[in-house]
């Protein structure tokens, strides 16, 4: 197996220049018998905390996991594991109207499939159970009452009609749809009395005229030193977010803060879209007199046009990735690189290597998602698991066999099996794949249809060779029949083809002045290999032709070569089309 640094160095479009340069140095020094270890210089905020971190992933069961939420879970998981802490799963299911039946179970299945096992949460329990917010309502009401008592919150009895009217008027003035604090002046006794008589109301947080700046582990100091002003003079507008809804359920702001405190969360890694909420959350911590966790906000995921990736995008759908056969560790490797920086010589990481090398060195700004990188990493991880005999490979093998049996365009040529089962033949072909070739089962079948027997009526990829040259090449290719079946191996086949090429050059079938030159030998050699690829696998790119010829066996190879020679005889014109795909 190649050193990871060397593999990564040759994959230039997929690794940043600094990492590539480092890999280049590392490879050169290793060839001289040295080893070069680069210790990344991290800023204080980027270093791991000196205490075990307690982190959490808190999804809402209003849908299924997608790439963005999986990244949030992964970063929190890695921080907990890297520091010897705990990773919690908490289900934030207070929005009953949007809750999707079965979504919680699907979230748990997907996290387990990805290898992100939680230490506390649904299915496993823990000291701070329950871990579903719908089962913690009494706790939220208790803390809302504490805020009312301390005058950090107040009841708002305004009807929805009044609030809508207020929002409309403020919109006309180009102002934020803040509240005007009409109910803040209601006395405590009156407020209690109206609430006692079940008058509909919400509970609002009293926000300051300006929020103080706060420290973010990614962006540093956020907000101007004098804070964020929440309203201009004479505009009578205050943010005062709702903490408890009129139906008695908590909003995200209250439940999130109360749960993080009671579950002793020390670090919160989440998307940058939550940054506007952070000052409100810090204000709640201050109102309760609690110490807030450290916050790190990571950039949005964007497509190549710098548009936010939609949850409805099929490329974001974790379930589809699983069905396609994307390997869990390949996906975790890919997701980790969507906003996290490292100083290693390769972007290839197992989950354990991610834990061992993790830091809080996140990229500022949004992240462009290149799914080509996922395909690249999928190939590397597949090659690793193929060598190890991982059960994921068995599942992919099952997928390929099923697709071959269900593809109406493919009738598997029984001669190619040579006593093997279809499953055994597919496994042998998989072992010929390079680390960068294999991605998913369906693409594998599409690329190798011709090996199994499917042939297009006309070749779709082409170079031109004069007709007399091709006739000569086709006839010469059949000379590999001289290799007996018991010697049918890559090494002997290579030697025989080289001998055939040398014979053609020496017999002066081309330019006699250059018959002995390397240029002519390469020309004849490339022409012969191109003909072999076209004749045997319909010109399709794939493993080495000699590996394919050995795999197919002597009888199948010679039969396909003879068929192709007959097809060539039927072609009219001076120039004949043959595959121009890279040999």
Protein backbone atom coordinates (compact mmCIF):
# COMPACT_ATOMS: atom_id res chain seq x y z
CA UNK A 1 0.00 0.00 0.00
CA UNK A 2 1.40 3.41 -0.95
CA UNK A 3 2.26 5.91 1.79
CA UNK A 4 -0.72 8.17 2.27
CA UNK A 5 1.38 11.26 1.69
CA UNK A 6 2.50 9.99 -1.68
CA UNK A 7 -1.02 9.11 -2.78
CA UNK A 8 -2.30 12.51 -1.74
CA UNK A 9 0.51 14.36 -3.49
CA UNK A 10 -0.49 12.90 -6.85
CA UNK A 11 -4.12 13.97 -6.28
CA UNK A 12 -3.28 17.61 -6.84
CA UNK A 13 -6.74 19.12 -7.46
CA UNK A 14 -8.05 17.73 -4.18
CA UNK A 15 -5.53 19.03 -1.64
CA UNK A 16 -4.64 22.62 -0.86
CA UNK A 17 -1.23 23.86 -1.97
CA UNK A 18 0.24 24.11 1.52
CA UNK A 19 -0.69 20.51 2.32
CA UNK A 20 0.63 19.39 -1.07
CA UNK A 21 3.96 21.16 -0.54
CA UNK A 22 4.28 19.57 2.87
CA UNK A 23 3.55 16.13 1.42
CA UNK A 24 6.18 16.74 -1.25
CA UNK A 25 8.81 17.56 1.36
CA UNK A 26 7.80 14.58 3.48
CA UNK A 27 8.05 12.18 0.54
CA UNK A 28 11.47 13.50 -0.50
CA UNK A 29 12.88 13.28 3.01
CA UNK A 30 11.48 9.77 3.49
CA UNK A 31 13.33 8.68 0.32
CA UNK A 32 16.57 9.88 1.90
CA UNK A 33 15.88 7.77 4.97
CA UNK A 34 14.67 10.68 7.08
CA UNK A 35 11.29 11.44 8.57
CA UNK A 36 9.83 14.89 8.83
CA UNK A 37 7.23 15.60 11.50
CA UNK A 38 5.38 18.86 11.24
CA UNK A 39 3.76 20.05 14.44
CA UNK A 40 1.05 22.58 13.58
CA UNK A 41 1.30 25.91 15.33
CA UNK A 42 -2.17 26.55 16.67
CA UNK A 43 -3.52 29.71 18.17
CA UNK A 44 -4.77 29.49 21.73
CA UNK A 45 -8.43 29.35 20.67
CA UNK A 46 -7.67 26.54 18.21
CA UNK A 47 -6.09 24.24 20.76
CA UNK A 48 -8.09 21.54 22.46
CA UNK A 49 -9.33 22.43 25.95
CA UNK A 50 -7.30 21.11 28.84
CA UNK A 51 -10.37 19.44 30.35
CA UNK A 52 -12.64 16.68 29.04
CA UNK A 53 -15.23 18.40 26.84
CA UNK A 54 -18.91 17.59 27.15
CA UNK A 55 -20.55 18.26 23.81
CA UNK A 56 -23.95 17.57 22.33
CA UNK A 57 -25.74 17.11 19.06
CA UNK A 58 -29.31 18.36 19.39
CA UNK A 59 -31.31 17.74 16.20
CA UNK A 60 -35.00 18.40 15.75
CA UNK A 61 -36.97 15.39 14.45
CA UNK A 62 -38.55 17.55 11.77
CA UNK A 63 -36.65 15.78 9.02
CA UNK A 64 -33.74 13.49 8.38
CA UNK A 65 -30.00 13.99 8.71
CA UNK A 66 -28.28 15.87 5.91
CA UNK A 67 -24.69 16.86 5.29
CA UNK A 68 -24.81 20.03 7.41
CA UNK A 69 -26.31 18.42 10.50
CA UNK A 70 -23.98 15.44 10.15
CA UNK A 71 -20.99 17.82 10.16
CA UNK A 72 -22.26 19.44 13.37
CA UNK A 73 -22.59 16.03 14.99
CA UNK A 74 -19.13 14.96 13.80
CA UNK A 75 -17.29 18.04 15.08
CA UNK A 76 -18.90 17.75 18.49
CA UNK A 77 -18.16 14.03 18.57
CA UNK A 78 -14.50 14.55 17.64
CA UNK A 79 -14.01 17.23 20.30
CA UNK A 80 -15.46 14.98 23.00
CA UNK A 81 -13.41 11.95 21.93
CA UNK A 82 -10.19 13.92 21.43
CA UNK A 83 -10.36 15.28 25.01
CA UNK A 84 -11.63 12.16 26.73
CA UNK A 85 -15.03 13.76 27.32
CA UNK A 86 -18.62 12.78 26.54
CA UNK A 87 -20.78 13.21 23.46
CA UNK A 88 -24.53 13.62 24.08
CA UNK A 89 -27.51 13.20 21.80
CA UNK A 90 -30.51 15.34 22.71
CA UNK A 91 -33.74 15.38 20.72
CA UNK A 92 -35.25 18.88 20.51
CA UNK A 93 -38.83 17.90 19.74
CA UNK A 94 -40.78 20.84 21.19
CA UNK A 95 -42.13 21.82 17.78
CA UNK A 96 -44.79 19.12 17.65
CA UNK A 97 -46.46 20.52 14.53
CA UNK A 98 -43.34 19.96 12.43
CA UNK A 99 -42.21 16.69 13.98
CA UNK A 100 -41.95 13.90 11.39
CA UNK A 101 -42.98 10.42 12.46
CA UNK A 102 -39.97 8.09 12.56
CA UNK A 103 -37.42 10.90 12.20
CA UNK A 104 -35.90 10.33 15.64
CA UNK A 105 -35.30 6.64 14.94
CA UNK A 106 -33.80 7.52 11.56
CA UNK A 107 -31.46 10.06 13.17
CA UNK A 108 -30.26 7.46 15.66
CA UNK A 109 -29.75 4.87 12.90
CA UNK A 110 -27.81 7.30 10.74
CA UNK A 111 -25.51 8.41 13.57
CA UNK A 112 -24.82 4.78 14.49
CA UNK A 113 -24.12 3.94 10.83
CA UNK A 114 -21.67 6.85 10.65
CA UNK A 115 -19.84 5.55 13.73
CA UNK A 116 -20.84 8.50 15.93
CA UNK A 117 -21.98 6.61 19.01
CA UNK A 118 -23.30 8.87 21.75
CA UNK A 119 -22.47 8.38 25.44
CA UNK A 120 -25.74 9.78 26.76
CA UNK A 121 -29.10 10.20 25.12
CA UNK A 122 -32.03 8.21 23.71
CA UNK A 123 -31.57 4.44 23.69
CA UNK A 124 -28.60 4.59 26.09
CA UNK A 125 -29.87 6.83 28.91
CA UNK A 126 -27.57 8.81 31.20
CA UNK A 127 -27.42 10.80 34.46
CA UNK A 128 -29.32 13.79 33.02
CA UNK A 129 -32.24 11.95 31.45
CA UNK A 130 -34.67 12.43 29.88
CA UNK A 131 -32.94 13.49 26.66
CA UNK A 132 -36.08 14.46 24.77
CA UNK A 133 -37.15 18.04 25.33
CA UNK A 134 -40.84 17.10 25.14
CA UNK A 135 -40.27 15.18 28.37
CA UNK A 136 -38.61 18.13 30.16
CA UNK A 137 -41.40 20.73 29.97
CA UNK A 138 -41.75 21.03 33.76
CA UNK A 139 -38.10 22.04 34.01
CA UNK A 140 -38.54 24.81 31.46
CA UNK A 141 -41.64 26.15 33.20
CA UNK A 142 -39.75 26.19 36.47
CA UNK A 143 -36.94 28.26 34.98
CA UNK A 144 -39.33 30.60 33.17
CA UNK A 145 -40.93 31.27 36.57
CA UNK A 146 -37.51 32.08 38.00
CA UNK A 147 -36.93 34.65 35.27
CA UNK A 148 -40.36 36.21 35.93
CA UNK A 149 -39.55 36.39 39.60
CA UNK A 150 -36.21 38.11 38.98
CA UNK A 151 -37.82 40.47 36.44
CA UNK A 152 -35.53 39.21 33.66
CA UNK A 153 -38.69 38.15 31.83
CA UNK A 154 -42.31 39.24 31.62
CA UNK A 155 -45.64 37.95 30.40
CA UNK A 156 -46.98 39.38 27.16
CA UNK A 157 -50.76 39.23 26.69
CA UNK A 158 -50.89 40.89 23.27
CA UNK A 159 -53.07 39.13 20.75
CA UNK A 160 -51.66 37.81 17.52
CA UNK A 161 -53.69 40.41 15.65
CA UNK A 162 -52.01 43.25 17.56
CA UNK A 163 -48.56 41.76 17.01
CA UNK A 164 -49.22 41.35 13.28
CA UNK A 165 -50.41 44.96 13.05
CA UNK A 166 -47.33 46.18 14.92
CA UNK A 167 -45.04 44.18 12.63
CA UNK A 168 -46.76 45.59 9.54
CA UNK A 169 -46.34 49.18 10.72
CA UNK A 170 -42.68 48.68 11.56
CA UNK A 171 -42.08 47.05 8.18
CA UNK A 172 -43.54 50.10 6.46
CA UNK A 173 -40.99 52.23 8.33
CA UNK A 174 -38.16 49.90 7.34
CA UNK A 175 -37.66 48.81 10.97
CA UNK A 176 -37.08 45.33 12.44
CA UNK A 177 -40.24 43.64 13.66
CA UNK A 178 -39.36 44.08 17.32
CA UNK A 179 -41.89 44.31 20.14
CA UNK A 180 -42.89 47.64 21.73
CA UNK A 181 -42.96 46.34 25.34
CA UNK A 182 -46.57 47.27 25.92
CA UNK A 183 -46.89 44.48 28.49
CA UNK A 184 -43.66 45.21 30.35
CA UNK A 185 -45.44 47.89 32.37
CA UNK A 186 -48.05 45.44 33.68
CA UNK A 187 -47.59 44.98 37.42
CA UNK A 188 -46.55 41.63 38.81
CA UNK A 189 -49.88 41.20 40.64
CA UNK A 190 -51.93 41.94 37.53
CA UNK A 191 -49.77 39.66 35.43
CA UNK A 192 -50.14 36.81 37.92
CA UNK A 193 -53.89 37.35 38.13
CA UNK A 194 -54.41 37.31 34.38
CA UNK A 195 -52.25 34.22 34.03
CA UNK A 196 -54.19 32.57 36.87
CA UNK A 197 -57.38 33.05 34.87
CA UNK A 198 -55.74 31.36 31.87
CA UNK A 199 -55.57 34.45 29.71
CA UNK A 200 -53.41 33.52 26.70
CA UNK A 201 -49.89 34.88 26.93
CA UNK A 202 -46.24 34.25 26.16
CA UNK A 203 -43.15 34.88 28.27
CA UNK A 204 -40.56 37.27 26.86
CA UNK A 205 -36.94 37.86 27.81
CA UNK A 206 -35.99 41.42 28.78
CA UNK A 207 -33.07 42.19 26.50
CA UNK A 208 -30.61 45.02 27.09
CA UNK A 209 -30.52 48.11 24.92
CA UNK A 210 -27.28 46.75 23.55
CA UNK A 211 -25.62 43.36 23.74
CA UNK A 212 -22.01 43.13 24.87
CA UNK A 213 -19.40 41.61 22.57
CA UNK A 214 -18.60 37.94 23.09
CA UNK A 215 -15.76 35.60 22.20
CA UNK A 216 -16.16 32.94 19.56
CA UNK A 217 -13.55 30.18 19.19
CA UNK A 218 -13.54 30.63 15.41
CA UNK A 219 -14.23 34.34 14.84
CA UNK A 220 -12.70 35.80 17.98
CA UNK A 221 -14.47 38.84 19.44
CA UNK A 222 -17.90 39.16 17.84
CA UNK A 223 -19.72 42.49 18.03
CA UNK A 224 -18.29 45.93 18.60
CA UNK A 225 -16.92 46.62 22.08
CA UNK A 226 -19.87 48.85 22.89
CA UNK A 227 -22.24 46.10 21.75
CA UNK A 228 -25.03 45.68 19.28
CA UNK A 229 -27.67 48.38 19.46
CA UNK A 230 -31.21 47.03 19.41
CA UNK A 231 -33.30 50.00 18.40
CA UNK A 232 -32.85 53.63 17.63
CA UNK A 233 -34.05 56.59 19.70
CA UNK A 234 -37.83 57.13 19.57
CA UNK A 235 -38.39 53.92 17.66
CA UNK A 236 -39.68 52.08 20.71
CA UNK A 237 -38.49 48.66 19.49
CA UNK A 238 -37.03 45.85 21.55
CA UNK A 239 -36.09 42.34 20.47
CA UNK A 240 -37.36 40.61 23.66
CA UNK A 241 -37.57 37.07 22.22
CA UNK A 242 -40.31 34.69 23.32
CA UNK A 243 -39.15 32.05 25.82
CA UNK A 244 -42.44 30.26 26.50
CA UNK A 245 -45.19 29.97 23.90
CA UNK A 246 -48.87 30.46 24.65
CA UNK A 247 -49.39 26.67 24.66
CA UNK A 248 -46.92 26.34 27.53
CA UNK A 249 -44.08 24.87 25.47
CA UNK A 250 -40.61 26.42 25.44
CA UNK A 251 -38.92 28.02 22.46
CA UNK A 252 -35.52 26.89 21.29
CA UNK A 253 -33.78 29.73 23.13
CA UNK A 254 -34.95 28.76 26.63
CA UNK A 255 -34.89 24.99 26.26
CA UNK A 256 -31.46 25.03 24.64
CA UNK A 257 -29.86 27.10 27.39
CA UNK A 258 -31.55 25.28 30.28
CA UNK A 259 -30.62 21.86 28.90
CA UNK A 260 -27.02 22.79 28.11
CA UNK A 261 -26.59 24.05 31.67
CA UNK A 262 -28.21 21.08 33.40
CA UNK A 263 -26.40 18.60 31.18
CA UNK A 264 -23.09 20.37 31.93
CA UNK A 265 -22.23 21.09 28.30
CA UNK A 266 -18.82 22.79 28.10
CA UNK A 267 -18.50 23.41 24.35
CA UNK A 268 -21.01 24.08 21.58
CA UNK A 269 -20.00 23.73 17.92
CA UNK A 270 -22.76 24.76 15.54
CA UNK A 271 -23.42 26.46 12.23
CA UNK A 272 -22.77 30.15 11.69
CA UNK A 273 -26.51 30.67 11.11
CA UNK A 274 -26.89 30.48 14.90
CA UNK A 275 -24.53 33.38 15.60
CA UNK A 276 -27.36 35.98 15.75
CA UNK A 277 -28.96 33.89 18.53
CA UNK A 278 -25.81 33.64 20.62
CA UNK A 279 -26.15 37.08 22.30
CA UNK A 280 -29.68 36.13 23.40
CA UNK A 281 -28.42 32.84 24.80
CA UNK A 282 -25.60 34.57 26.65
CA UNK A 283 -28.12 37.02 28.08
CA UNK A 284 -30.09 34.06 29.41
CA UNK A 285 -26.99 32.58 31.02
CA UNK A 286 -26.36 35.95 32.64
CA UNK A 287 -29.95 36.21 33.87
CA UNK A 288 -29.75 32.79 35.50
CA UNK A 289 -26.29 33.48 36.92
CA UNK A 290 -24.77 30.53 35.05
CA UNK A 291 -21.43 30.11 33.30
CA UNK A 292 -21.92 29.81 29.55
CA UNK A 293 -20.19 27.12 27.45
CA UNK A 294 -17.58 28.04 24.85
CA UNK A 295 -19.06 28.63 21.39
CA UNK A 296 -17.55 27.84 17.98
CA UNK A 297 -19.49 28.66 14.83
CA UNK A 298 -18.59 27.01 11.52
CA UNK A 299 -19.41 28.33 8.04
CA UNK A 300 -22.37 27.48 5.85
CA UNK A 301 -22.05 24.78 3.22
CA UNK A 302 -22.34 26.17 -0.30
CA UNK A 303 -22.38 24.81 -3.83
CA UNK A 304 -20.00 25.81 -6.62
CA UNK A 305 -22.13 28.91 -7.29
CA UNK A 306 -21.77 29.95 -3.63
CA UNK A 307 -25.42 29.25 -2.95
CA UNK A 308 -26.40 27.62 0.32
CA UNK A 309 -26.84 23.90 -0.14
CA UNK A 310 -30.49 22.97 0.18
CA UNK A 311 -31.65 20.15 2.43
CA UNK A 312 -33.66 18.97 -0.58
CA UNK A 313 -30.54 18.58 -2.71
CA UNK A 314 -30.03 14.86 -3.38
CA UNK A 315 -26.30 15.32 -2.80
CA UNK A 316 -27.15 16.35 0.77
CA UNK A 317 -29.36 13.32 1.44
CA UNK A 318 -27.62 10.91 3.79
CA UNK A 319 -30.09 8.13 3.09
CA UNK A 320 -29.32 8.31 -0.63
CA UNK A 321 -25.58 8.20 0.09
CA UNK A 322 -26.09 5.06 2.16
CA UNK A 323 -28.13 3.45 -0.61
CA UNK A 324 -25.45 4.35 -3.16
CA UNK A 325 -22.86 2.53 -1.08
CA UNK A 326 -20.85 5.47 0.25
CA UNK A 327 -18.68 4.09 3.04
CA UNK A 328 -19.24 5.56 6.54
CA UNK A 329 -15.58 6.41 7.12
CA UNK A 330 -15.25 7.93 3.64
CA UNK A 331 -18.21 10.19 4.35
CA UNK A 332 -16.90 11.14 7.80
CA UNK A 333 -13.51 11.90 6.26
CA UNK A 334 -15.18 14.10 3.63
CA UNK A 335 -17.47 15.88 6.09
CA UNK A 336 -14.61 16.60 8.51
CA UNK A 337 -12.79 18.56 5.80
CA UNK A 338 -15.79 20.85 5.23
CA UNK A 339 -14.49 23.66 7.42
CA UNK A 340 -11.74 22.01 9.49
CA UNK A 341 -8.07 22.66 8.72
CA UNK A 342 -5.10 20.42 9.42
CA UNK A 343 -1.38 20.33 8.73
CA UNK A 344 -1.02 16.67 7.83
CA UNK A 345 0.41 15.50 4.54
CA UNK A 346 -2.79 13.87 3.34
CA UNK A 347 -6.54 14.42 3.47
CA UNK A 348 -7.09 10.70 4.07
CA UNK A 349 -8.28 10.04 7.63
CA UNK A 350 -9.96 7.14 9.36
CA UNK A 351 -12.35 8.11 12.14
CA UNK A 352 -9.70 7.30 14.73
CA UNK A 353 -7.14 9.40 12.88
CA UNK A 354 -9.59 12.29 12.88
CA UNK A 355 -9.88 11.94 16.65
CA UNK A 356 -6.10 11.75 17.08
CA UNK A 357 -5.46 14.85 14.94
CA UNK A 358 -8.48 16.98 15.79
CA UNK A 359 -8.17 20.61 16.86
CA UNK A 360 -10.45 23.64 16.86
CA UNK A 361 -8.77 25.05 13.77
CA UNK A 362 -11.88 25.82 11.76
CA UNK A 363 -12.08 27.84 8.57
CA UNK A 364 -13.60 31.30 8.82
CA UNK A 365 -16.30 31.92 6.26
CA UNK A 366 -18.49 29.60 4.26
CA UNK A 367 -17.34 26.34 2.70
CA UNK A 368 -17.66 25.29 -0.96
CA UNK A 369 -18.62 21.61 -1.14
CA UNK A 370 -16.85 19.65 -3.87
CA UNK A 371 -18.43 16.22 -4.16
CA UNK A 372 -15.57 15.13 -6.39
CA UNK A 373 -13.52 15.01 -3.20
CA UNK A 374 -16.01 12.54 -1.72
CA UNK A 375 -15.55 10.25 -4.73
CA UNK A 376 -11.78 10.46 -4.31
CA UNK A 377 -11.91 9.61 -0.60
CA UNK A 378 -14.46 6.86 -1.26
CA UNK A 379 -11.93 5.19 -3.54
CA UNK A 380 -9.16 5.39 -0.95
CA UNK A 381 -11.33 4.05 1.86
CA UNK A 382 -12.74 1.31 -0.36
CA UNK A 383 -9.25 0.15 -1.23
CA UNK A 384 -8.34 0.05 2.48
CA UNK A 385 -11.48 -1.87 3.43
CA UNK A 386 -11.05 -4.23 0.48
CA UNK A 387 -7.64 -5.21 1.81
CA UNK A 388 -9.02 -5.62 5.32
CA UNK A 389 -12.07 -7.61 4.20
CA UNK A 390 -14.50 -5.22 5.89
CA UNK A 391 -18.22 -6.07 5.95
CA UNK A 392 -18.94 -2.83 4.06
CA UNK A 393 -17.20 -4.38 1.05
CA UNK A 394 -19.53 -7.38 1.24
CA UNK A 395 -22.53 -5.05 1.11
CA UNK A 396 -21.14 -3.25 -1.94
CA UNK A 397 -20.42 -6.61 -3.56
CA UNK A 398 -24.06 -7.60 -3.01
CA UNK A 399 -25.19 -4.33 -4.60
CA UNK A 400 -23.06 -4.87 -7.69
CA UNK A 401 -24.23 -8.45 -8.23
CA UNK A 402 -27.87 -7.36 -7.84
CA UNK A 403 -27.42 -4.50 -10.33
CA UNK A 404 -25.81 -6.83 -12.87
CA UNK A 405 -28.64 -9.32 -12.56
CA UNK A 406 -31.28 -6.59 -12.90
CA UNK A 407 -29.67 -4.64 -15.77
CA UNK A 408 -31.64 -5.49 -18.91
CA UNK A 409 -28.74 -4.40 -21.13
CA UNK A 410 -26.36 -6.94 -19.64
CA UNK A 411 -26.45 -10.66 -20.25
CA UNK A 412 -23.42 -11.92 -18.38
CA UNK A 413 -21.23 -13.98 -20.69
CA UNK A 414 -20.91 -17.33 -18.83
CA UNK A 415 -17.55 -17.98 -20.49
CA UNK A 416 -15.89 -15.18 -18.51
CA UNK A 417 -16.63 -16.88 -15.20
CA UNK A 418 -14.32 -19.85 -15.83
CA UNK A 419 -15.93 -21.89 -13.07
CA UNK A 420 -16.28 -18.93 -10.72
CA UNK A 421 -19.53 -17.55 -9.39
CA UNK A 422 -20.56 -14.08 -10.53
CA UNK A 423 -19.83 -12.83 -7.03
CA UNK A 424 -16.29 -14.23 -7.15
CA UNK A 425 -15.69 -12.71 -10.58
CA UNK A 426 -16.90 -9.28 -9.40
CA UNK A 427 -14.63 -9.48 -6.36
CA UNK A 428 -11.66 -10.26 -8.61
CA UNK A 429 -12.53 -7.28 -10.82
CA UNK A 430 -12.90 -5.02 -7.76
CA UNK A 431 -9.38 -5.96 -6.70
CA UNK A 432 -8.10 -4.62 -10.02
CA UNK A 433 -9.60 -1.17 -9.39
CA UNK A 434 -7.18 1.58 -8.48
CA UNK A 435 -7.91 3.59 -5.33
CA UNK A 436 -9.16 6.52 -7.39
CA UNK A 437 -11.40 4.46 -9.70
CA UNK A 438 -14.09 2.98 -7.49
CA UNK A 439 -16.85 5.25 -6.21
CA UNK A 440 -20.23 3.53 -5.93
CA UNK A 441 -21.77 0.29 -7.16
CA UNK A 442 -23.94 1.76 -9.92
CA UNK A 443 -21.03 3.61 -11.50
CA UNK A 444 -18.87 0.49 -11.28
CA UNK A 445 -21.48 -1.48 -13.24
CA UNK A 446 -21.86 1.33 -15.79
CA UNK A 447 -18.10 1.49 -16.37
CA UNK A 448 -17.62 -2.28 -16.70
CA UNK A 449 -20.70 -3.37 -18.67
CA UNK A 450 -18.52 -4.35 -21.60
CA UNK A 451 -16.41 -6.69 -19.48
CA UNK A 452 -19.53 -8.69 -18.62
CA UNK A 453 -20.59 -8.95 -22.24
CA UNK A 454 -22.45 -5.79 -23.21
CA UNK A 455 -21.11 -4.18 -26.40
CA UNK A 456 -22.33 -1.04 -28.14
CA UNK A 457 -23.08 -1.28 -31.86
CA UNK A 458 -20.51 1.42 -32.56
CA UNK A 459 -17.54 2.61 -30.51
CA UNK A 460 -18.19 6.02 -28.99
CA UNK A 461 -14.60 7.05 -28.26
CA UNK A 462 -12.17 7.36 -31.11
CA UNK A 463 -8.74 7.97 -32.57
CA UNK A 464 -7.97 7.55 -36.23
CA UNK A 465 -5.51 5.12 -37.66
CA UNK A 466 -4.97 4.32 -41.34
CA UNK A 467 -6.85 1.21 -42.36
CA UNK A 468 -3.79 -0.79 -43.34
CA UNK A 469 -2.21 -0.09 -39.91
CA UNK A 470 -5.29 -1.30 -38.06
CA UNK A 471 -5.51 -4.45 -40.14
CA UNK A 472 -1.92 -5.19 -39.29
CA UNK A 473 -2.47 -4.41 -35.58
CA UNK A 474 -5.61 -6.57 -35.41
CA UNK A 475 -3.79 -9.50 -36.97
CA UNK A 476 -0.79 -9.03 -34.70
CA UNK A 477 -2.94 -8.90 -31.58
CA UNK A 478 -4.12 -12.45 -32.24
CA UNK A 479 -0.54 -13.65 -31.74
CA UNK A 480 -1.17 -13.72 -27.99
CA UNK A 481 -2.81 -17.07 -28.76
CA UNK A 482 0.74 -18.41 -28.65
CA UNK A 483 0.58 -18.06 -24.84
CA UNK A 484 -0.74 -21.41 -23.52
CA UNK A 485 -3.55 -21.44 -21.00
CA UNK A 486 -1.32 -22.63 -18.15
CA UNK A 487 0.97 -19.59 -18.69
CA UNK A 488 -1.82 -17.05 -19.11
CA UNK A 489 -0.54 -14.37 -16.72
CA UNK A 490 0.08 -10.62 -16.77
CA UNK A 491 3.86 -10.93 -16.89
CA UNK A 492 3.94 -13.37 -19.80
CA UNK A 493 1.21 -11.51 -21.71
CA UNK A 494 3.15 -8.25 -21.37
CA UNK A 495 6.29 -9.92 -22.64
CA UNK A 496 4.43 -11.45 -25.59
CA UNK A 497 2.83 -8.12 -26.61
CA UNK A 498 6.20 -6.36 -26.33
CA UNK A 499 7.68 -9.03 -28.58
CA UNK A 500 4.86 -8.58 -31.11
CA UNK A 501 5.38 -4.80 -31.12
CA UNK A 502 9.11 -5.21 -31.59
CA UNK A 503 8.53 -7.57 -34.52
CA UNK A 504 6.26 -5.02 -36.22
CA UNK A 505 8.81 -2.23 -35.81
CA UNK A 506 11.68 -4.33 -37.06
CA UNK A 507 9.74 -5.57 -40.10
CA UNK A 508 9.50 -2.00 -41.28
CA UNK A 509 5.75 -1.78 -41.63
CA UNK A 510 6.06 1.91 -40.74
CA UNK A 511 8.64 4.51 -41.68
CA UNK A 512 11.86 2.58 -42.36
CA UNK A 513 14.05 5.54 -41.33
CA UNK A 514 12.57 5.53 -37.81
CA UNK A 515 11.86 1.82 -37.33
CA UNK A 516 14.32 1.48 -34.46
CA UNK A 517 13.39 4.70 -32.66
CA UNK A 518 11.60 4.78 -29.33
CA UNK A 519 8.97 7.02 -30.87
CA UNK A 520 7.92 4.36 -33.34
CA UNK A 521 7.92 1.66 -30.70
CA UNK A 522 5.66 3.76 -28.49
CA UNK A 523 3.37 4.49 -31.41
CA UNK A 524 2.97 0.83 -32.32
CA UNK A 525 2.64 -0.16 -28.67
CA UNK A 526 -0.08 2.42 -27.96
CA UNK A 527 -1.89 1.43 -31.16
CA UNK A 528 -1.88 -2.23 -30.18
CA UNK A 529 -3.07 -1.51 -26.63
CA UNK A 530 -5.80 0.77 -27.98
CA UNK A 531 -6.94 -2.02 -30.28
CA UNK A 532 -6.95 -4.54 -27.43
CA UNK A 533 -9.06 -2.22 -25.27
CA UNK A 534 -11.54 -1.57 -28.08
CA UNK A 535 -11.79 -5.21 -29.09
CA UNK A 536 -12.08 -6.67 -25.59
CA UNK A 537 -13.91 -4.05 -23.50
CA UNK A 538 -15.47 -1.79 -26.12
CA UNK A 539 -12.83 0.91 -25.61
CA UNK A 540 -13.92 1.63 -22.02
CA UNK A 541 -11.41 2.94 -19.53
CA UNK A 542 -10.64 0.79 -16.52
CA UNK A 543 -7.94 -1.43 -15.04
CA UNK A 544 -4.79 -2.35 -16.97
CA UNK A 545 -5.56 -4.24 -20.17
CA UNK A 546 -3.26 -7.05 -19.13
CA UNK A 547 -5.08 -7.45 -15.82
CA UNK A 548 -8.38 -7.60 -17.70
CA UNK A 549 -7.06 -10.13 -20.23
CA UNK A 550 -5.78 -12.36 -17.43
CA UNK A 551 -9.12 -12.06 -15.60
CA UNK A 552 -11.24 -12.88 -18.67
CA UNK A 553 -9.11 -15.86 -19.58
CA UNK A 554 -7.61 -17.12 -22.82
CA UNK A 555 -10.75 -18.37 -24.58
CA UNK A 556 -12.83 -15.23 -23.99
CA UNK A 557 -9.97 -12.93 -24.96
CA UNK A 558 -9.21 -14.71 -28.25
CA UNK A 559 -12.89 -14.95 -29.15
CA UNK A 560 -13.39 -11.20 -28.63
CA UNK A 561 -10.25 -10.38 -30.62
CA UNK A 562 -11.43 -12.52 -33.54
CA UNK A 563 -14.90 -10.93 -33.44
CA UNK A 564 -13.37 -7.46 -33.48
CA UNK A 565 -11.16 -8.38 -36.46
CA UNK A 566 -14.24 -9.46 -38.38
CA UNK A 567 -15.98 -6.18 -37.50
CA UNK A 568 -12.95 -4.29 -38.78
CA UNK A 569 -13.13 -6.13 -42.11
CA UNK A 570 -16.69 -4.88 -42.53
CA UNK A 571 -15.76 -1.23 -42.03
CA UNK A 572 -15.64 0.85 -45.21
CA UNK A 573 -13.30 3.79 -45.85
CA UNK A 574 -9.69 4.67 -45.42
CA UNK A 575 -9.80 5.59 -41.70
CA UNK A 576 -11.18 3.40 -38.93
CA UNK A 577 -12.36 4.59 -35.51
CA UNK A 578 -10.81 3.05 -32.41
CA UNK A 579 -10.93 4.07 -28.75
CA UNK A 580 -8.93 7.18 -27.87
CA UNK A 581 -9.51 6.89 -24.13
CA UNK A 582 -6.29 7.05 -22.13
CA UNK A 583 -4.75 3.59 -22.25
